[in-house]
PDB file of N, CA and C in Angstrom:
ATOM      1  N   MET A   1      -1.768  11.087  13.549  1.00  0.00           N
ATOM      2  CA  MET A   1      -1.736  10.418  11.871  1.00  0.00           C
ATOM      3  C   MET A   1      -3.663  10.695  11.515  1.00  0.00           C
ATOM      4  N   ALA A   2      -3.897  10.859  10.445  1.00  0.00           N
ATOM      5  CA  ALA A   2      -4.825  10.946  10.258  1.00  0.00           C
ATOM      6  C   ALA A   2      -5.721   9.447   9.809  1.00  0.00           C
ATOM      7  N   LYS A   3      -6.765   9.563  10.063  1.00  0.00           N
ATOM      8  CA  LYS A   3      -7.414   8.174   9.506  1.00  0.00           C
ATOM      9  C   LYS A   3      -7.383   7.641   8.390  1.00  0.00           C
ATOM     10  N   ASN A   4      -7.563   6.790   7.998  1.00  0.00           N
ATOM     11  CA  ASN A   4      -7.654   6.531   6.187  1.00  0.00           C
ATOM     12  C   ASN A   4      -9.387   6.572   5.929  1.00  0.00           C
ATOM     13  N   ASP A   5      -8.922   7.639   4.583  1.00  0.00           N
ATOM     14  CA  ASP A   5     -10.930   7.969   4.436  1.00  0.00           C
ATOM     15  C   ASP A   5     -11.370   6.964   3.129  1.00  0.00           C
ATOM     16  N   GLY A   6     -10.182   6.459   2.276  1.00  0.00           N
ATOM     17  CA  GLY A   6      -9.897   5.602   1.320  1.00  0.00           C
ATOM     18  C   GLY A   6     -10.036   6.740   0.054  1.00  0.00           C
ATOM     19  N   GLY A   7      -9.833   7.762   0.137  1.00  0.00           N
ATOM     20  CA  GLY A   7      -9.919   8.534  -1.021  1.00  0.00           C
ATOM     21  C   GLY A   7     -11.291   9.378  -1.460  1.00  0.00           C
ATOM     22  N   THR A   8     -11.455   9.488  -2.899  1.00  0.00           N
ATOM     23  CA  THR A   8     -12.451  10.625  -2.659  1.00  0.00           C
ATOM     24  C   THR A   8     -13.317   9.249  -3.390  1.00  0.00           C
ATOM     25  N   ALA A   9     -14.750   9.306  -2.764  1.00  0.00           N
ATOM     26  CA  ALA A   9     -15.882   7.722  -3.174  1.00  0.00           C
ATOM     27  C   ALA A   9     -16.157   8.080  -4.728  1.00  0.00           C
ATOM     28  N   PHE A  10     -16.303   9.356  -5.434  1.00  0.00           N
ATOM     29  CA  PHE A  10     -16.943   9.431  -6.878  1.00  0.00           C
ATOM     30  C   PHE A  10     -15.197  10.277  -7.680  1.00  0.00           C
ATOM     31  N   PRO A  11     -14.286   9.607  -7.869  1.00  0.00           N
ATOM     32  CA  PRO A  11     -13.675  10.704  -8.315  1.00  0.00           C
ATOM     33  C   PRO A  11     -13.741  10.831 -10.604  1.00  0.00           C
ATOM     34  N   VAL A  12     -13.902  12.203 -10.302  1.00  0.00           N
ATOM     35  CA  VAL A  12     -13.458  12.829 -11.212  1.00  0.00           C
ATOM     36  C   VAL A  12     -12.341  13.385 -12.509  1.00  0.00           C
ATOM     37  N   VAL A  13     -11.364  12.381 -13.160  1.00  0.00           N
ATOM     38  CA  VAL A  13     -10.674  12.714 -13.978  1.00  0.00           C
ATOM     39  C   VAL A  13     -10.619  13.522 -14.879  1.00  0.00           C
ATOM     40  N   GLY A  14      -9.750  14.252 -15.280  1.00  0.00           N
ATOM     41  CA  GLY A  14      -9.726  15.236 -15.945  1.00  0.00           C
ATOM     42  C   GLY A  14     -11.029  16.691 -16.281  1.00  0.00           C
ATOM     43  N   VAL A  15     -11.666  16.079 -15.262  1.00  0.00           N
ATOM     44  CA  VAL A  15     -12.577  17.683 -15.021  1.00  0.00           C
ATOM     45  C   VAL A  15     -12.283  18.431 -13.779  1.00  0.00           C
ATOM     46  N   PRO A  16     -12.011  19.786 -14.046  1.00  0.00           N
ATOM     47  CA  PRO A  16     -12.123  20.524 -12.685  1.00  0.00           C
ATOM     48  C   PRO A  16     -12.992  20.580 -11.495  1.00  0.00           C
ATOM     49  N   ASN A  17     -13.156  20.423 -10.028  1.00  0.00           N
ATOM     50  CA  ASN A  17     -14.110  20.389  -9.100  1.00  0.00           C
ATOM     51  C   ASN A  17     -14.695  21.812  -9.980  1.00  0.00           C
ATOM     52  N   ALA A  18     -15.690  21.917  -9.632  1.00  0.00           N
ATOM     53  CA  ALA A  18     -16.229  23.083  -9.840  1.00  0.00           C
ATOM     54  C   ALA A  18     -16.128  24.342  -8.598  1.00  0.00           C
ATOM     55  N   CYS A  19     -16.103  23.523  -7.610  1.00  0.00           N
ATOM     56  CA  CYS A  19     -16.386  23.733  -5.892  1.00  0.00           C
ATOM     57  C   CYS A  19     -14.788  23.364  -5.439  1.00  0.00           C
ATOM     58  N   ASP A  20     -14.050  22.785  -6.100  1.00  0.00           N
ATOM     59  CA  ASP A  20     -12.683  22.808  -5.618  1.00  0.00           C
ATOM     60  C   ASP A  20     -12.973  22.113  -3.915  1.00  0.00           C
ATOM     61  N   CYS A  21     -13.814  21.409  -4.229  1.00  0.00           N
ATOM     62  CA  CYS A  21     -13.625  20.435  -2.720  1.00  0.00           C
ATOM     63  C   CYS A  21     -13.417  19.313  -3.474  1.00  0.00           C
ATOM     64  N   PRO A  22     -13.123  18.319  -2.521  1.00  0.00           N
ATOM     65  CA  PRO A  22     -12.274  16.569  -2.763  1.00  0.00           C
ATOM     66  C   PRO A  22     -13.585  16.104  -2.559  1.00  0.00           C
ATOM     67  N   GLY A  23     -15.047  15.730  -2.391  1.00  0.00           N
ATOM     68  CA  GLY A  23     -16.043  15.346  -1.765  1.00  0.00           C
ATOM     69  C   GLY A  23     -16.426  14.644  -1.050  1.00  0.00           C
ATOM     70  N   MET A  24     -17.441  13.466  -1.286  1.00  0.00           N
ATOM     71  CA  MET A  24     -17.562  12.903  -0.488  1.00  0.00           C
ATOM     72  C   MET A  24     -16.663  11.059  -0.439  1.00  0.00           C
ATOM     73  N   SER A  25     -15.973  10.739   1.229  1.00  0.00           N
ATOM     74  CA  SER A  25     -14.751  10.421   1.483  1.00  0.00           C
ATOM     75  C   SER A  25     -15.163   8.889   0.711  1.00  0.00           C
ATOM     76  N   LEU A  26     -14.638   7.789   0.795  1.00  0.00           N
ATOM     77  CA  LEU A  26     -15.183   6.472   0.304  1.00  0.00           C
ATOM     78  C   LEU A  26     -15.592   5.875   1.599  1.00  0.00           C
ATOM     79  N   ARG A  27     -14.714   6.426   2.976  1.00  0.00           N
ATOM     80  CA  ARG A  27     -14.814   5.964   4.031  1.00  0.00           C
ATOM     81  C   ARG A  27     -16.812   6.477   4.881  1.00  0.00           C
ATOM     82  N   ASP A  28     -16.842   7.959   4.304  1.00  0.00           N
ATOM     83  CA  ASP A  28     -17.884   8.592   4.633  1.00  0.00           C
ATOM     84  C   ASP A  28     -19.465   7.708   3.298  1.00  0.00           C
ATOM     85  N   TYR A  29     -18.822   7.566   2.619  1.00  0.00           N
ATOM     86  CA  TYR A  29     -20.130   6.319   1.897  1.00  0.00           C
ATOM     87  C   TYR A  29     -20.529   4.946   2.068  1.00  0.00           C
ATOM     88  N   PHE A  30     -18.810   4.241   2.789  1.00  0.00           N
ATOM     89  CA  PHE A  30     -19.591   3.343   3.665  1.00  0.00           C
ATOM     90  C   PHE A  30     -20.235   3.132   4.838  1.00  0.00           C
ATOM     91  N   ALA A  31     -19.764   4.365   5.192  1.00  0.00           N
ATOM     92  CA  ALA A  31     -20.776   4.886   6.784  1.00  0.00           C
ATOM     93  C   ALA A  31     -22.302   4.969   6.343  1.00  0.00           C
ATOM     94  N   ALA A  32     -22.484   5.833   5.120  1.00  0.00           N
ATOM     95  CA  ALA A  32     -23.572   6.304   4.939  1.00  0.00           C
ATOM     96  C   ALA A  32     -24.129   4.886   4.756  1.00  0.00           C
ATOM     97  N   HIS A  33     -24.177   3.708   4.240  1.00  0.00           N
ATOM     98  CA  HIS A  33     -24.417   2.641   3.263  1.00  0.00           C
ATOM     99  C   HIS A  33     -24.918   1.307   4.539  1.00  0.00           C
ATOM    100  N   ALA A  34     -23.947   1.426   5.486  1.00  0.00           N
ATOM    101  CA  ALA A  34     -23.842   0.280   5.994  1.00  0.00           C
ATOM    102  C   ALA A  34     -25.229  -0.165   6.759  1.00  0.00           C
ATOM    103  N   PRO A  35     -25.138  -1.670   6.595  1.00  0.00           N
ATOM    104  CA  PRO A  35     -26.367  -2.074   7.056  1.00  0.00           C
ATOM    105  C   PRO A  35     -26.853  -1.708   8.375  1.00  0.00           C
ATOM    106  N   GLN A  36     -27.860  -2.287   9.026  1.00  0.00           N
ATOM    107  CA  GLN A  36     -28.352  -2.430  10.203  1.00  0.00           C
ATOM    108  C   GLN A  36     -27.417  -2.842  11.097  1.00  0.00           C
ATOM    109  N   PRO A  37     -27.420  -2.313  12.718  1.00  0.00           N
ATOM    110  CA  PRO A  37     -26.342  -3.422  13.305  1.00  0.00           C
ATOM    111  C   PRO A  37     -26.629  -4.357  13.426  1.00  0.00           C
ATOM    112  N   PRO A  38     -25.769  -5.327  13.939  1.00  0.00           N
ATOM    113  CA  PRO A  38     -26.321  -6.854  13.933  1.00  0.00           C
ATOM    114  C   PRO A  38     -26.947  -6.988  15.445  1.00  0.00           C
ATOM    115  N   THR A  39     -27.555  -7.505  15.837  1.00  0.00           N
ATOM    116  CA  THR A  39     -28.748  -7.584  17.032  1.00  0.00           C
ATOM    117  C   THR A  39     -27.869  -8.186  18.185  1.00  0.00           C
ATOM    118  N   GLY A  40     -28.150  -6.924  19.202  1.00  0.00           N
ATOM    119  CA  GLY A  40     -27.018  -6.480  20.661  1.00  0.00           C
ATOM    120  C   GLY A  40     -26.026  -5.990  20.234  1.00  0.00           C
ATOM    121  N   TRP A  41     -25.674  -5.210  19.146  1.00  0.00           N
ATOM    122  CA  TRP A  41     -24.846  -4.434  19.178  1.00  0.00           C
ATOM    123  C   TRP A  41     -25.222  -2.716  19.859  1.00  0.00           C
ATOM    124  N   THR A  42     -24.026  -2.503  20.921  1.00  0.00           N
ATOM    125  CA  THR A  42     -24.339  -1.954  21.883  1.00  0.00           C
ATOM    126  C   THR A  42     -23.597  -0.797  21.699  1.00  0.00           C
ATOM    127  N   GLY A  43     -22.290  -1.047  21.366  1.00  0.00           N
ATOM    128  CA  GLY A  43     -20.915   0.204  21.304  1.00  0.00           C
ATOM    129  C   GLY A  43     -20.220   0.048  22.370  1.00  0.00           C
ATOM    130  N   THR A  44     -19.481   1.128  22.469  1.00  0.00           N
ATOM    131  CA  THR A  44     -18.530   0.347  23.475  1.00  0.00           C
ATOM    132  C   THR A  44     -18.705   0.747  25.013  1.00  0.00           C
ATOM    133  N   ALA A  45     -17.792  -0.159  25.505  1.00  0.00           N
ATOM    134  CA  ALA A  45     -18.484   0.055  27.447  1.00  0.00           C
ATOM    135  C   ALA A  45     -19.272   1.230  27.508  1.00  0.00           C
ATOM    136  N   PRO A  46     -18.412   2.389  27.675  1.00  0.00           N
ATOM    137  CA  PRO A  46     -18.797   3.738  28.216  1.00  0.00           C
ATOM    138  C   PRO A  46     -20.214   4.110  28.152  1.00  0.00           C
ATOM    139  N   MET A  47     -20.680   3.258  26.610  1.00  0.00           N
ATOM    140  CA  MET A  47     -22.163   3.761  25.797  1.00  0.00           C
ATOM    141  C   MET A  47     -23.201   3.052  26.619  1.00  0.00           C
ATOM    142  N   LEU A  48     -23.244   2.163  26.773  1.00  0.00           N
ATOM    143  CA  LEU A  48     -23.473   1.413  27.466  1.00  0.00           C
ATOM    144  C   LEU A  48     -24.879   1.902  28.871  1.00  0.00           C
ATOM    145  N   GLU A  49     -24.111   2.669  29.322  1.00  0.00           N
ATOM    146  CA  GLU A  49     -24.627   3.967  30.828  1.00  0.00           C
ATOM    147  C   GLU A  49     -25.773   3.995  29.442  1.00  0.00           C
ATOM    148  N   ARG A  50     -25.782   4.979  28.925  1.00  0.00           N
ATOM    149  CA  ARG A  50     -25.843   5.797  27.576  1.00  0.00           C
ATOM    150  C   ARG A  50     -27.301   5.350  27.312  1.00  0.00           C
ATOM    151  N   LEU A  51     -27.389   4.009  26.760  1.00  0.00           N
ATOM    152  CA  LEU A  51     -28.665   3.071  26.242  1.00  0.00           C
ATOM    153  C   LEU A  51     -29.853   3.452  25.752  1.00  0.00           C
ATOM    154  N   SER A  52     -30.360   3.922  27.301  1.00  0.00           N
ATOM    155  CA  SER A  52     -31.529   3.958  27.748  1.00  0.00           C
ATOM    156  C   SER A  52     -32.106   5.466  26.874  1.00  0.00           C
ATOM    157  N   ARG A  53     -30.883   6.426  27.044  1.00  0.00           N
ATOM    158  CA  ARG A  53     -31.581   7.827  26.315  1.00  0.00           C
ATOM    159  C   ARG A  53     -31.707   7.696  24.686  1.00  0.00           C
ATOM    160  N   ALA A  54     -32.261   8.559  24.215  1.00  0.00           N
ATOM    161  CA  ALA A  54     -32.328   8.585  23.015  1.00  0.00           C
ATOM    162  C   ALA A  54     -31.010   8.779  22.104  1.00  0.00           C
ATOM    163  N   ASP A  55     -30.100  10.076  22.701  1.00  0.00           N
ATOM    164  CA  ASP A  55     -29.269   9.929  22.380  1.00  0.00           C
ATOM    165  C   ASP A  55     -27.834   8.727  22.213  1.00  0.00           C
ATOM    166  N   GLY A  56     -27.625   8.403  23.674  1.00  0.00           N
ATOM    167  CA  GLY A  56     -27.112   7.285  23.168  1.00  0.00           C
ATOM    168  C   GLY A  56     -27.335   5.972  22.417  1.00  0.00           C
ATOM    169  N   GLN A  57     -29.006   5.729  21.958  1.00  0.00           N
ATOM    170  CA  GLN A  57     -29.077   5.008  21.050  1.00  0.00           C
ATOM    171  C   GLN A  57     -28.301   5.418  19.694  1.00  0.00           C
ATOM    172  N   ILE A  58     -28.648   6.910  19.671  1.00  0.00           N
ATOM    173  CA  ILE A  58     -28.094   6.998  18.111  1.00  0.00           C
ATOM    174  C   ILE A  58     -26.650   7.388  18.761  1.00  0.00           C
ATOM    175  N   ALA A  59     -25.967   7.392  19.400  1.00  0.00           N
ATOM    176  CA  ALA A  59     -24.420   7.195  19.378  1.00  0.00           C
ATOM    177  C   ALA A  59     -24.281   5.836  19.315  1.00  0.00           C
ATOM    178  N   ALA A  60     -24.509   4.754  19.837  1.00  0.00           N
ATOM    179  CA  ALA A  60     -24.278   3.737  19.493  1.00  0.00           C
ATOM    180  C   ALA A  60     -24.429   3.077  17.421  1.00  0.00           C
ATOM    181  N   LEU A  61     -25.748   3.645  17.087  1.00  0.00           N
ATOM    182  CA  LEU A  61     -25.517   3.385  15.685  1.00  0.00           C
ATOM    183  C   LEU A  61     -24.673   4.371  14.910  1.00  0.00           C
ATOM    184  N   MET A  62     -24.174   5.499  15.338  1.00  0.00           N
ATOM    185  CA  MET A  62     -23.448   6.248  14.399  1.00  0.00           C
ATOM    186  C   MET A  62     -22.145   5.571  14.653  1.00  0.00           C
ATOM    187  N   GLU A  63     -21.582   4.867  16.064  1.00  0.00           N
ATOM    188  CA  GLU A  63     -20.332   3.965  16.237  1.00  0.00           C
ATOM    189  C   GLU A  63     -20.111   2.881  15.273  1.00  0.00           C
ATOM    190  N   TRP A  64     -21.003   2.513  15.368  1.00  0.00           N
ATOM    191  CA  TRP A  64     -21.931   1.173  13.790  1.00  0.00           C
ATOM    192  C   TRP A  64     -21.438   1.170  12.611  1.00  0.00           C
ATOM    193  N   ARG A  65     -21.664   2.518  12.492  1.00  0.00           N
ATOM    194  CA  ARG A  65     -21.523   3.160  11.009  1.00  0.00           C
ATOM    195  C   ARG A  65     -20.258   3.087  10.655  1.00  0.00           C
ATOM    196  N   TRP A  66     -19.341   3.907  11.520  1.00  0.00           N
ATOM    197  CA  TRP A  66     -17.865   4.071  11.673  1.00  0.00           C
ATOM    198  C   TRP A  66     -17.597   2.607  11.384  1.00  0.00           C
ATOM    199  N   PHE A  67     -17.744   1.933  12.500  1.00  0.00           N
ATOM    200  CA  PHE A  67     -16.946   0.618  12.550  1.00  0.00           C
ATOM    201  C   PHE A  67     -17.302  -0.290  11.063  1.00  0.00           C
ATOM    202  N   TYR A  68     -18.441  -0.484  10.086  1.00  0.00           N
ATOM    203  CA  TYR A  68     -18.477  -0.969   9.637  1.00  0.00           C
ATOM    204  C   TYR A  68     -17.472  -0.399   8.579  1.00  0.00           C
ATOM    205  N   ALA A  69     -17.157   1.090   8.560  1.00  0.00           N
ATOM    206  CA  ALA A  69     -16.789   1.713   7.316  1.00  0.00           C
ATOM    207  C   ALA A  69     -15.669   1.345   7.801  1.00  0.00           C
ATOM    208  N   ASP A  70     -14.677   1.679   8.597  1.00  0.00           N
ATOM    209  CA  ASP A  70     -13.610   1.224   8.822  1.00  0.00           C
ATOM    210  C   ASP A  70     -13.424  -0.475   8.525  1.00  0.00           C
ATOM    211  N   ALA A  71     -14.068  -1.198   8.812  1.00  0.00           N
ATOM    212  CA  ALA A  71     -13.682  -2.704   8.412  1.00  0.00           C
ATOM    213  C   ALA A  71     -13.913  -2.642   6.857  1.00  0.00           C
ATOM    214  N   MET A  72     -14.556  -2.110   6.516  1.00  0.00           N
ATOM    215  CA  MET A  72     -14.998  -2.384   5.133  1.00  0.00           C
ATOM    216  C   MET A  72     -13.900  -1.648   3.877  1.00  0.00           C
ATOM    217  N   LEU A  73     -12.726  -0.695   4.789  1.00  0.00           N
ATOM    218  CA  LEU A  73     -11.661  -0.048   4.079  1.00  0.00           C
ATOM    219  C   LEU A  73     -10.395  -1.258   4.250  1.00  0.00           C
ATOM    220  N   ALA A  74     -10.383  -1.718   5.485  1.00  0.00           N
ATOM    221  CA  ALA A  74      -9.376  -2.398   6.229  1.00  0.00           C
ATOM    222  C   ALA A  74      -9.700  -3.742   4.823  1.00  0.00           C
ATOM    223  N   GLU A  75     -10.903  -4.370   4.473  1.00  0.00           N
ATOM    224  CA  GLU A  75     -11.224  -5.589   3.772  1.00  0.00           C
ATOM    225  C   GLU A  75     -10.455  -4.694   1.927  1.00  0.00           C
ATOM    226  N   ARG A  76      -9.985  -3.705   1.899  1.00  0.00           N
ATOM    227  CA  ARG A  76      -9.745  -3.362   0.671  1.00  0.00           C
ATOM    228  C   ARG A  76      -8.255  -3.125   0.893  1.00  0.00           C
ATOM    229  N   GLU A  77      -7.473  -3.331   1.893  1.00  0.00           N
ATOM    230  CA  GLU A  77      -6.282  -3.311   1.899  1.00  0.00           C
ATOM    231  C   GLU A  77      -5.852  -4.308   1.931  1.00  0.00           C
ATOM    232  N   LYS A  78      -6.211  -5.252   2.034  1.00  0.00           N
ATOM    233  CA  LYS A  78      -5.873  -6.883   2.490  1.00  0.00           C
ATOM    234  C   LYS A  78      -5.404  -7.157   1.104  1.00  0.00           C
ATOM    235  N   ASP A  79      -4.259  -8.230   0.947  1.00  0.00           N
ATOM    236  CA  ASP A  79      -3.977  -8.843  -0.214  1.00  0.00           C
ATOM    237  C   ASP A  79      -5.032  -9.583  -0.881  1.00  0.00           C
ATOM    238  N   PRO A  80      -5.031  -9.316  -1.980  1.00  0.00           N
ATOM    239  CA  PRO A  80      -6.276  -9.995  -2.822  1.00  0.00           C
ATOM    240  C   PRO A  80      -6.161 -11.736  -3.200  1.00  0.00           C
ATOM    241  N   GLU A  81      -5.025 -12.726  -1.978  1.00  0.00           N
ATOM    242  CA  GLU A  81      -4.599 -13.675  -3.145  1.00  0.00           C
ATOM    243  C   GLU A  81      -5.362 -14.613  -2.080  1.00  0.00           C
TER     244      GLU A  81
END
């Protein structure tokens, strides 16, 4: 099952796309604009072993960004009541 990407972030109706590509997804947009991780965010348990290395810290930050983007998409799906 494909992950919900929220569709195109900047849809243009009635204008053909010059590069014939869908562009940035809403999930990508949310991930790119995620705030700094909350204090203490370390990602998943297997990642904790790598946090002392720079690549582990980067991986934890990227995991936060995708977590945030998925949470934003989930909020959009909720009933507005």
